[in-house]
Amino acid sequence: VTASGGFSWNDGNIGGGGTPQNDLVLNYGQTYHIQGWTVLPGSDGTRFTNDGTGHGMFVSVENVSSF
């Protein structure tokens, strides 16, 4: 999702390429602020919201949706 609300996605697997000690582990219920985005992980999925526009996406095991 772009800051202006443009949205597209594909299936993918980004695991295993880097050094695990540098990975950021997201904890359910803890809010993260990363480069202009608010990230809120939960047991039902993770919400990514652009701080400037309010556009974003919700990613779960079952689906991905934009808002």
PDB file of N, CA and C in Angstrom:
ATOM      1  N   VAL A   1       0.854  -1.173   0.000  1.00  0.00           N
ATOM      2  CA  VAL A   1       0.000   0.000   0.000  1.00  0.00           C
ATOM      3  C   VAL A   1       0.899   1.234   0.000  1.00  0.00           C
ATOM      4  N   THR A   2       0.564   2.170  -0.867  1.00  0.00           N
ATOM      5  CA  THR A   2       1.317   3.417  -0.901  1.00  0.00           C
ATOM      6  C   THR A   2       0.693   4.414   0.065  1.00  0.00           C
ATOM      7  N   ALA A   3       1.411   5.491   0.341  1.00  0.00           N
ATOM      8  CA  ALA A   3       0.890   6.514   1.242  1.00  0.00           C
ATOM      9  C   ALA A   3      -0.414   7.107   0.733  1.00  0.00           C
ATOM     10  N   SER A   4      -0.593   7.143  -0.605  1.00  0.00           N
ATOM     11  CA  SER A   4      -1.812   7.719  -1.172  1.00  0.00           C
ATOM     12  C   SER A   4      -2.959   6.720  -1.267  1.00  0.00           C
ATOM     13  N   GLY A   5      -2.713   5.477  -0.880  1.00  0.00           N
ATOM     14  CA  GLY A   5      -3.784   4.491  -0.855  1.00  0.00           C
ATOM     15  C   GLY A   5      -3.739   3.462  -1.962  1.00  0.00           C
ATOM     16  N   GLY A   6      -2.800   3.582  -2.918  1.00  0.00           N
ATOM     17  CA  GLY A   6      -2.663   2.561  -3.954  1.00  0.00           C
ATOM     18  C   GLY A   6      -2.318   1.223  -3.324  1.00  0.00           C
ATOM     19  N   PHE A   7      -2.941   0.151  -3.820  1.00  0.00           N
ATOM     20  CA  PHE A   7      -2.805  -1.136  -3.141  1.00  0.00           C
ATOM     21  C   PHE A   7      -2.655  -2.279  -4.128  1.00  0.00           C
ATOM     22  N   SER A   8      -1.666  -3.127  -3.892  1.00  0.00           N
ATOM     23  CA  SER A   8      -1.519  -4.385  -4.616  1.00  0.00           C
ATOM     24  C   SER A   8      -0.693  -5.322  -3.745  1.00  0.00           C
ATOM     25  N   TRP A   9      -0.842  -6.631  -3.992  1.00  0.00           N
ATOM     26  CA  TRP A   9      -0.063  -7.585  -3.202  1.00  0.00           C
ATOM     27  C   TRP A   9       0.073  -8.903  -3.941  1.00  0.00           C
ATOM     28  N   ASN A  10       1.079  -9.681  -3.533  1.00  0.00           N
ATOM     29  CA  ASN A  10       1.346 -11.014  -4.057  1.00  0.00           C
ATOM     30  C   ASN A  10       1.713 -11.919  -2.896  1.00  0.00           C
ATOM     31  N   ASP A  11       1.563 -13.213  -3.090  1.00  0.00           N
ATOM     32  CA  ASP A  11       2.078 -14.163  -2.108  1.00  0.00           C
ATOM     33  C   ASP A  11       3.597 -14.114  -2.150  1.00  0.00           C
ATOM     34  N   GLY A  12       4.223 -14.372  -1.015  1.00  0.00           N
ATOM     35  CA  GLY A  12       5.676 -14.391  -0.995  1.00  0.00           C
ATOM     36  C   GLY A  12       6.207 -14.971   0.297  1.00  0.00           C
ATOM     37  N   ASN A  13       7.465 -15.295   0.283  1.00  0.00           N
ATOM     38  CA  ASN A  13       8.152 -15.794   1.466  1.00  0.00           C
ATOM     39  C   ASN A  13       9.491 -15.084   1.531  1.00  0.00           C
ATOM     40  N   ILE A  14       9.679 -14.240   2.533  1.00  0.00           N
ATOM     41  CA  ILE A  14      10.919 -13.485   2.649  1.00  0.00           C
ATOM     42  C   ILE A  14      11.850 -14.082   3.698  1.00  0.00           C
ATOM     43  N   GLY A  15      11.500 -15.204   4.251  1.00  0.00           N
ATOM     44  CA  GLY A  15      12.255 -15.780   5.362  1.00  0.00           C
ATOM     45  C   GLY A  15      13.618 -16.315   4.986  1.00  0.00           C
ATOM     46  N   GLY A  16      14.491 -16.345   5.990  1.00  0.00           N
ATOM     47  CA  GLY A  16      15.740 -17.064   5.898  1.00  0.00           C
ATOM     48  C   GLY A  16      16.915 -16.374   5.239  1.00  0.00           C
ATOM     49  N   GLY A  17      16.778 -15.156   4.750  1.00  0.00           N
ATOM     50  CA  GLY A  17      17.873 -14.554   4.012  1.00  0.00           C
ATOM     51  C   GLY A  17      18.877 -13.773   4.831  1.00  0.00           C
ATOM     52  N   GLY A  18      18.470 -13.235   5.952  1.00  0.00           N
ATOM     53  CA  GLY A  18      19.347 -12.357   6.716  1.00  0.00           C
ATOM     54  C   GLY A  18      19.879 -13.001   7.973  1.00  0.00           C
ATOM     55  N   THR A  19      20.342 -12.150   8.857  1.00  0.00           N
ATOM     56  CA  THR A  19      20.850 -12.628  10.138  1.00  0.00           C
ATOM     57  C   THR A  19      19.736 -12.543  11.166  1.00  0.00           C
ATOM     58  N   PRO A  20      19.355 -13.670  11.777  1.00  0.00           N
ATOM     59  CA  PRO A  20      18.209 -13.693  12.702  1.00  0.00           C
ATOM     60  C   PRO A  20      18.325 -12.715  13.867  1.00  0.00           C
ATOM     61  N   GLN A  21      19.524 -12.419  14.326  1.00  0.00           N
ATOM     62  CA  GLN A  21      19.667 -11.505  15.459  1.00  0.00           C
ATOM     63  C   GLN A  21      19.242 -10.083  15.109  1.00  0.00           C
ATOM     64  N   ASN A  22      19.089  -9.777  13.814  1.00  0.00           N
ATOM     65  CA  ASN A  22      18.631  -8.454  13.394  1.00  0.00           C
ATOM     66  C   ASN A  22      17.138  -8.405  13.087  1.00  0.00           C
ATOM     67  N   ASP A  23      16.451  -9.533  13.193  1.00  0.00           N
ATOM     68  CA  ASP A  23      15.012  -9.576  12.918  1.00  0.00           C
ATOM     69  C   ASP A  23      14.232  -8.809  13.981  1.00  0.00           C
ATOM     70  N   LEU A  24      13.163  -8.147  13.571  1.00  0.00           N
ATOM     71  CA  LEU A  24      12.245  -7.490  14.493  1.00  0.00           C
ATOM     72  C   LEU A  24      11.066  -8.425  14.714  1.00  0.00           C
ATOM     73  N   VAL A  25      10.884  -8.875  15.937  1.00  0.00           N
ATOM     74  CA  VAL A  25       9.765  -9.750  16.276  1.00  0.00           C
ATOM     75  C   VAL A  25       8.627  -8.875  16.780  1.00  0.00           C
ATOM     76  N   LEU A  26       7.467  -8.970  16.135  1.00  0.00           N
ATOM     77  CA  LEU A  26       6.305  -8.171  16.519  1.00  0.00           C
ATOM     78  C   LEU A  26       5.515  -8.908  17.592  1.00  0.00           C
ATOM     79  N   ASN A  27       5.262  -8.232  18.695  1.00  0.00           N
ATOM     80  CA  ASN A  27       4.503  -8.811  19.799  1.00  0.00           C
ATOM     81  C   ASN A  27       3.055  -8.350  19.735  1.00  0.00           C
ATOM     82  N   TYR A  28       2.114  -9.290  19.870  1.00  0.00           N
ATOM     83  CA  TYR A  28       0.688  -8.967  19.850  1.00  0.00           C
ATOM     84  C   TYR A  28       0.378  -7.850  20.841  1.00  0.00           C
ATOM     85  N   GLY A  29      -0.405  -6.870  20.388  1.00  0.00           N
ATOM     86  CA  GLY A  29      -0.864  -5.800  21.257  1.00  0.00           C
ATOM     87  C   GLY A  29       0.120  -4.664  21.455  1.00  0.00           C
ATOM     88  N   GLN A  30       1.333  -4.787  20.961  1.00  0.00           N
ATOM     89  CA  GLN A  30       2.323  -3.720  21.080  1.00  0.00           C
ATOM     90  C   GLN A  30       2.330  -2.911  19.791  1.00  0.00           C
ATOM     91  N   THR A  31       2.232  -1.592  19.897  1.00  0.00           N
ATOM     92  CA  THR A  31       2.226  -0.714  18.731  1.00  0.00           C
ATOM     93  C   THR A  31       3.652  -0.339  18.360  1.00  0.00           C
ATOM     94  N   TYR A  32       3.945  -0.378  17.061  1.00  0.00           N
ATOM     95  CA  TYR A  32       5.264  -0.020  16.549  1.00  0.00           C
ATOM     96  C   TYR A  32       5.115   1.151  15.594  1.00  0.00           C
ATOM     97  N   HIS A  33       6.075   2.067  15.615  1.00  0.00           N
ATOM     98  CA  HIS A  33       6.108   3.206  14.699  1.00  0.00           C
ATOM     99  C   HIS A  33       7.389   3.080  13.885  1.00  0.00           C
ATOM    100  N   ILE A  34       7.233   2.783  12.580  1.00  0.00           N
ATOM    101  CA  ILE A  34       8.379   2.487  11.728  1.00  0.00           C
ATOM    102  C   ILE A  34       8.283   3.298  10.441  1.00  0.00           C
ATOM    103  N   GLN A  35       9.186   4.237  10.261  1.00  0.00           N
ATOM    104  CA  GLN A  35       9.317   5.027   9.034  1.00  0.00           C
ATOM    105  C   GLN A  35       7.984   5.554   8.503  1.00  0.00           C
ATOM    106  N   GLY A  36       7.222   6.212   9.355  1.00  0.00           N
ATOM    107  CA  GLY A  36       5.968   6.835   8.941  1.00  0.00           C
ATOM    108  C   GLY A  36       4.770   5.912   8.934  1.00  0.00           C
ATOM    109  N   TRP A  37       4.928   4.727   9.488  1.00  0.00           N
ATOM    110  CA  TRP A  37       3.844   3.751   9.559  1.00  0.00           C
ATOM    111  C   TRP A  37       3.624   3.321  10.999  1.00  0.00           C
ATOM    112  N   THR A  38       2.362   3.104  11.351  1.00  0.00           N
ATOM    113  CA  THR A  38       2.021   2.505  12.634  1.00  0.00           C
ATOM    114  C   THR A  38       1.651   1.057  12.361  1.00  0.00           C
ATOM    115  N   VAL A  39       2.268   0.153  13.102  1.00  0.00           N
ATOM    116  CA  VAL A  39       2.063  -1.282  12.922  1.00  0.00           C
ATOM    117  C   VAL A  39       1.508  -1.842  14.220  1.00  0.00           C
ATOM    118  N   LEU A  40       0.343  -2.502  14.118  1.00  0.00           N
ATOM    119  CA  LEU A  40      -0.295  -3.080  15.300  1.00  0.00           C
ATOM    120  C   LEU A  40      -0.590  -4.558  15.053  1.00  0.00           C
ATOM    121  N   PRO A  41       0.269  -5.444  15.568  1.00  0.00           N
ATOM    122  CA  PRO A  41       0.033  -6.879  15.407  1.00  0.00           C
ATOM    123  C   PRO A  41      -0.960  -7.398  16.439  1.00  0.00           C
ATOM    124  N   GLY A  42      -1.751  -8.375  16.045  1.00  0.00           N
ATOM    125  CA  GLY A  42      -2.693  -9.023  16.950  1.00  0.00           C
ATOM    126  C   GLY A  42      -2.857 -10.479  16.566  1.00  0.00           C
ATOM    127  N   SER A  43      -3.533 -11.227  17.388  1.00  0.00           N
ATOM    128  CA  SER A  43      -3.705 -12.654  17.118  1.00  0.00           C
ATOM    129  C   SER A  43      -4.537 -12.909  15.861  1.00  0.00           C
ATOM    130  N   ASP A  44      -5.349 -11.925  15.458  1.00  0.00           N
ATOM    131  CA  ASP A  44      -6.175 -12.080  14.255  1.00  0.00           C
ATOM    132  C   ASP A  44      -5.505 -11.544  12.992  1.00  0.00           C
ATOM    133  N   GLY A  45      -4.374 -10.834  13.118  1.00  0.00           N
ATOM    134  CA  GLY A  45      -3.663 -10.285  11.977  1.00  0.00           C
ATOM    135  C   GLY A  45      -2.901  -9.032  12.370  1.00  0.00           C
ATOM    136  N   THR A  46      -2.300  -8.365  11.386  1.00  0.00           N
ATOM    137  CA  THR A  46      -1.489  -7.181  11.642  1.00  0.00           C
ATOM    138  C   THR A  46      -1.986  -6.024  10.786  1.00  0.00           C
ATOM    139  N   ARG A  47      -2.174  -4.867  11.424  1.00  0.00           N
ATOM    140  CA  ARG A  47      -2.663  -3.658  10.752  1.00  0.00           C
ATOM    141  C   ARG A  47      -1.493  -2.701  10.538  1.00  0.00           C
ATOM    142  N   PHE A  48      -1.332  -2.246   9.289  1.00  0.00           N
ATOM    143  CA  PHE A  48      -0.309  -1.278   8.909  1.00  0.00           C
ATOM    144  C   PHE A  48      -1.028  -0.006   8.474  1.00  0.00           C
ATOM    145  N   THR A  49      -0.783   1.116   9.156  1.00  0.00           N
ATOM    146  CA  THR A  49      -1.465   2.373   8.858  1.00  0.00           C
ATOM    147  C   THR A  49      -0.446   3.467   8.575  1.00  0.00           C
ATOM    148  N   ASN A  50      -0.592   4.150   7.431  1.00  0.00           N
ATOM    149  CA  ASN A  50       0.275   5.276   7.122  1.00  0.00           C
ATOM    150  C   ASN A  50      -0.088   6.432   8.036  1.00  0.00           C
ATOM    151  N   ASP A  51       0.899   6.968   8.747  1.00  0.00           N
ATOM    152  CA  ASP A  51       0.639   8.019   9.731  1.00  0.00           C
ATOM    153  C   ASP A  51       0.138   9.312   9.103  1.00  0.00           C
ATOM    154  N   GLY A  52       0.531   9.598   7.886  1.00  0.00           N
ATOM    155  CA  GLY A  52       0.134  10.845   7.243  1.00  0.00           C
ATOM    156  C   GLY A  52      -1.239  10.820   6.612  1.00  0.00           C
ATOM    157  N   THR A  53      -1.637   9.673   6.073  1.00  0.00           N
ATOM    158  CA  THR A  53      -2.886   9.614   5.314  1.00  0.00           C
ATOM    159  C   THR A  53      -3.973   8.765   5.957  1.00  0.00           C
ATOM    160  N   GLY A  54      -3.581   7.860   6.835  1.00  0.00           N
ATOM    161  CA  GLY A  54      -4.552   6.937   7.420  1.00  0.00           C
ATOM    162  C   GLY A  54      -4.840   5.731   6.542  1.00  0.00           C
ATOM    163  N   HIS A  55      -4.310   5.716   5.300  1.00  0.00           N
ATOM    164  CA  HIS A  55      -4.464   4.540   4.438  1.00  0.00           C
ATOM    165  C   HIS A  55      -3.589   3.413   4.967  1.00  0.00           C
ATOM    166  N   GLY A  56      -3.986   2.185   4.648  1.00  0.00           N
ATOM    167  CA  GLY A  56      -3.164   1.077   5.077  1.00  0.00           C
ATOM    168  C   GLY A  56      -3.711  -0.257   4.635  1.00  0.00           C
ATOM    169  N   MET A  57      -3.261  -1.298   5.334  1.00  0.00           N
ATOM    170  CA  MET A  57      -3.727  -2.645   5.026  1.00  0.00           C
ATOM    171  C   MET A  57      -3.746  -3.483   6.289  1.00  0.00           C
ATOM    172  N   PHE A  58      -4.597  -4.496   6.245  1.00  0.00           N
ATOM    173  CA  PHE A  58      -4.687  -5.477   7.312  1.00  0.00           C
ATOM    174  C   PHE A  58      -4.312  -6.820   6.711  1.00  0.00           C
ATOM    175  N   VAL A  59      -3.331  -7.487   7.316  1.00  0.00           N
ATOM    176  CA  VAL A  59      -2.825  -8.762   6.811  1.00  0.00           C
ATOM    177  C   VAL A  59      -3.109  -9.839   7.843  1.00  0.00           C
ATOM    178  N   SER A  60      -3.802 -10.887   7.412  1.00  0.00           N
ATOM    179  CA  SER A  60      -4.060 -12.033   8.286  1.00  0.00           C
ATOM    180  C   SER A  60      -3.684 -13.305   7.544  1.00  0.00           C
ATOM    181  N   VAL A  61      -3.800 -14.425   8.209  1.00  0.00           N
ATOM    182  CA  VAL A  61      -3.515 -15.711   7.575  1.00  0.00           C
ATOM    183  C   VAL A  61      -4.471 -15.953   6.416  1.00  0.00           C
ATOM    184  N   GLU A  62      -5.715 -15.507   6.555  1.00  0.00           N
ATOM    185  CA  GLU A  62      -6.753 -15.775   5.563  1.00  0.00           C
ATOM    186  C   GLU A  62      -6.815 -14.772   4.425  1.00  0.00           C
ATOM    187  N   ASN A  63      -6.370 -13.504   4.662  1.00  0.00           N
ATOM    188  CA  ASN A  63      -6.683 -12.460   3.700  1.00  0.00           C
ATOM    189  C   ASN A  63      -5.768 -11.258   3.864  1.00  0.00           C
ATOM    190  N   VAL A  64      -5.807 -10.385   2.877  1.00  0.00           N
ATOM    191  CA  VAL A  64      -5.181  -9.064   2.924  1.00  0.00           C
ATOM    192  C   VAL A  64      -6.225  -8.073   2.439  1.00  0.00           C
ATOM    193  N   SER A  65      -6.433  -6.986   3.180  1.00  0.00           N
ATOM    194  CA  SER A  65      -7.415  -5.984   2.754  1.00  0.00           C
ATOM    195  C   SER A  65      -6.848  -4.587   2.970  1.00  0.00           C
ATOM    196  N   SER A  66      -7.258  -3.663   2.110  1.00  0.00           N
ATOM    197  CA  SER A  66      -6.799  -2.277   2.217  1.00  0.00           C
ATOM    198  C   SER A  66      -7.879  -1.427   2.870  1.00  0.00           C
ATOM    199  N   PHE A  67      -7.458  -0.285   3.401  1.00  0.00           N
ATOM    200  CA  PHE A  67      -8.410   0.687   3.951  1.00  0.00           C
ATOM    201  C   PHE A  67      -7.879   2.085   3.745  1.00  0.00           C
TER     202      PHE A  67
END
